[in-house]
Amino acid sequence: MPEGLPISSATDEFERLLGKESPGAALTLASVLDAFERFARLDFDVPHVPDADGCLVTHGVSEGLEGPTFSVRVARRFEVPRAGGQHDSHVRVYCELVYEAAEEFDELGGRTEWWFRGASPDSFAAWWAATTAPLLTAGLGDASPSSVEIGTDDG
């Protein structure tokens, strides 16, 4: 018997939470982070292994065709069981916000931080605050991204 929501519903759940956060409005980093924090607390039916359910926050500057950009990506990766009990397939639900690179974002540098559900629930709150606070204090919270992508891929 499943112990949480089906992984197949993860993208819909995240999009539902994003819609509740800013219905009819353009997404900002603050609204995405609020929705993702709630999404990270939902239970999904994943195998009982330490790294079967993980959250990722990554950000940094990259050089694109139109110049440098600063991107922030939040993602949740689920391990998907295969027949015979093997667990080598993953699905990742993500949201990426891209900004025209600005000098105030340079101090943030590049960062990739993982948290896995196998850790204590209290550790999520501490990890989340430590990982996202620098982004918000750098002025990204209400800044308008040049693009937002919400999707699912094989993680």
Protein backbone atom coordinates (compact mmCIF):
# COMPACT_ATOMS: atom_id res chain seq x y z
CA MET A 1 0.00 0.00 0.00
CA PRO A 2 1.40 3.43 -0.96
CA GLU A 3 2.64 5.58 1.91
CA GLY A 4 2.32 8.96 0.21
CA LEU A 5 1.22 10.71 -2.94
CA PRO A 6 2.17 9.00 -6.21
CA ILE A 7 5.35 10.39 -7.74
CA SER A 8 3.41 10.81 -10.99
CA SER A 9 1.43 13.61 -9.29
CA ALA A 10 4.50 15.57 -8.12
CA THR A 11 4.58 18.08 -10.99
CA ASP A 12 0.86 18.77 -10.66
CA GLU A 13 1.22 19.26 -6.90
CA PHE A 14 4.09 21.71 -7.34
CA GLU A 15 2.22 23.66 -10.03
CA ARG A 16 -0.87 23.74 -7.79
CA LEU A 17 1.20 25.22 -4.96
CA LEU A 18 2.80 27.75 -7.32
CA GLY A 19 -0.66 28.82 -8.48
CA LYS A 20 -1.85 29.28 -4.90
CA GLU A 21 1.20 31.39 -4.14
CA SER A 22 0.68 33.92 -6.93
CA PRO A 23 -2.56 33.24 -8.81
CA GLY A 24 -2.58 35.11 -12.09
CA ALA A 25 0.61 36.97 -11.22
CA ALA A 26 4.14 36.63 -12.50
CA LEU A 27 6.28 34.35 -10.37
CA THR A 28 9.07 35.81 -8.27
CA LEU A 29 11.78 33.99 -6.38
CA ALA A 30 9.98 34.69 -3.10
CA SER A 31 6.75 33.10 -4.34
CA VAL A 32 8.60 30.12 -5.84
CA LEU A 33 10.54 29.54 -2.62
CA ASP A 34 7.35 29.70 -0.53
CA ALA A 35 5.62 27.19 -2.81
CA PHE A 36 8.66 24.91 -2.96
CA GLU A 37 9.00 24.87 0.82
CA ARG A 38 5.43 23.56 1.07
CA PHE A 39 6.07 21.13 -1.80
CA ALA A 40 9.15 19.77 0.00
CA ARG A 41 7.02 18.92 3.01
CA LEU A 42 4.57 16.75 1.04
CA ASP A 43 5.00 13.00 1.42
CA PHE A 44 5.41 10.99 -1.78
CA ASP A 45 5.56 7.23 -2.21
CA VAL A 46 9.31 6.66 -2.50
CA PRO A 47 11.52 3.74 -1.45
CA HIS A 48 12.75 3.69 2.14
CA VAL A 49 16.39 4.51 1.42
CA PRO A 50 18.27 7.63 2.58
CA ASP A 51 18.63 9.36 -0.79
CA ALA A 52 15.29 8.43 -2.36
CA ASP A 53 13.80 11.91 -1.87
CA GLY A 54 16.00 14.97 -2.08
CA CYS A 55 15.72 18.72 -2.47
CA LEU A 56 18.22 20.83 -4.38
CA VAL A 57 18.92 24.55 -4.52
CA THR A 58 21.50 25.68 -7.02
CA HIS A 59 22.43 29.11 -8.32
CA GLY A 60 25.14 30.89 -10.21
CA VAL A 61 26.21 33.01 -13.15
CA SER A 62 26.46 31.52 -16.62
CA GLU A 63 27.39 33.00 -19.96
CA GLY A 64 24.57 32.86 -22.51
CA LEU A 65 24.21 34.04 -26.08
CA GLU A 66 22.91 37.40 -24.86
CA GLY A 67 25.46 37.86 -22.09
CA PRO A 68 25.78 36.70 -18.51
CA THR A 69 22.73 35.53 -16.59
CA PHE A 70 22.15 34.54 -12.99
CA SER A 71 19.92 31.53 -12.46
CA VAL A 72 18.32 29.94 -9.42
CA ARG A 73 16.95 26.41 -9.59
CA VAL A 74 14.97 24.56 -6.95
CA ALA A 75 14.31 20.90 -7.56
CA ARG A 76 13.01 17.82 -5.84
CA ARG A 77 14.37 14.46 -6.95
CA PHE A 78 12.51 11.20 -6.39
CA GLU A 79 13.87 7.71 -6.74
CA VAL A 80 11.50 5.57 -8.81
CA PRO A 81 11.48 1.84 -8.05
CA ARG A 82 11.88 -0.51 -10.99
CA ALA A 83 10.64 -4.05 -11.32
CA GLY A 84 12.56 -6.44 -9.09
CA GLY A 85 13.19 -3.81 -6.42
CA GLN A 86 15.99 -1.97 -8.22
CA HIS A 87 16.10 1.77 -7.54
CA ASP A 88 18.23 3.34 -10.24
CA SER A 89 15.75 5.65 -11.95
CA HIS A 90 14.96 9.20 -10.81
CA VAL A 91 12.44 11.91 -11.63
CA ARG A 92 13.18 15.55 -10.88
CA VAL A 93 10.56 18.31 -10.58
CA TYR A 94 12.08 21.77 -10.84
CA CYS A 95 11.62 25.49 -11.27
CA GLU A 96 14.38 27.65 -12.69
CA LEU A 97 14.36 31.44 -12.62
CA VAL A 98 16.82 33.32 -14.82
CA TYR A 99 17.83 36.95 -14.29
CA GLU A 100 19.97 39.32 -16.27
CA ALA A 101 23.26 39.19 -14.39
CA ALA A 102 23.68 42.14 -12.08
CA GLU A 103 26.68 43.09 -9.98
CA GLU A 104 24.78 42.60 -6.72
CA PHE A 105 24.36 38.90 -7.57
CA ASP A 106 28.12 38.39 -8.08
CA GLU A 107 28.66 38.11 -4.34
CA LEU A 108 26.35 35.07 -4.25
CA GLY A 109 28.69 33.12 -6.50
CA GLY A 110 27.75 29.62 -7.51
CA ARG A 111 26.32 27.13 -5.07
CA THR A 112 24.73 23.69 -5.14
CA GLU A 113 23.13 22.37 -1.96
CA TRP A 114 21.27 19.08 -1.42
CA TRP A 115 19.04 17.96 1.45
CA PHE A 116 17.62 14.44 1.70
CA ARG A 117 14.47 13.39 3.49
CA GLY A 118 16.41 10.72 5.43
CA ALA A 119 17.65 13.56 7.64
CA SER A 120 15.52 14.82 10.52
CA PRO A 121 12.56 17.10 9.65
CA ASP A 122 14.10 19.86 11.77
CA SER A 123 17.18 19.79 9.60
CA PHE A 124 15.10 20.76 6.54
CA ALA A 125 14.05 24.06 8.12
CA ALA A 126 17.65 24.91 9.04
CA TRP A 127 18.99 23.84 5.62
CA TRP A 128 16.26 25.75 3.79
CA ALA A 129 16.82 28.96 5.76
CA ALA A 130 20.60 28.83 5.35
CA THR A 131 20.36 28.06 1.64
CA THR A 132 17.69 30.55 0.61
CA ALA A 133 18.30 33.54 2.93
CA PRO A 134 21.32 34.84 0.95
CA LEU A 135 19.22 34.88 -2.23
CA LEU A 136 16.49 36.92 -0.59
CA THR A 137 18.83 39.37 1.13
CA ALA A 138 20.63 39.96 -2.19
CA GLY A 139 17.42 41.49 -3.53
CA LEU A 140 16.21 38.59 -5.66
CA GLY A 141 13.01 37.98 -3.69
CA ASP A 142 10.77 40.35 -5.64
CA ALA A 143 13.00 40.92 -8.66
CA SER A 144 11.40 40.07 -12.01
CA PRO A 145 13.13 37.14 -13.69
CA SER A 146 13.70 37.31 -17.44
CA SER A 147 12.42 33.73 -17.70
CA VAL A 148 10.88 31.02 -15.55
CA GLU A 149 10.85 27.34 -16.43
CA ILE A 150 8.84 24.73 -14.54
CA GLY A 151 9.32 21.15 -15.55
CA THR A 152 10.13 17.53 -14.96
CA ASP A 153 13.11 15.55 -16.17
CA ASP A 154 15.05 12.38 -15.45
CA GLY A 155 17.26 13.29 -12.54
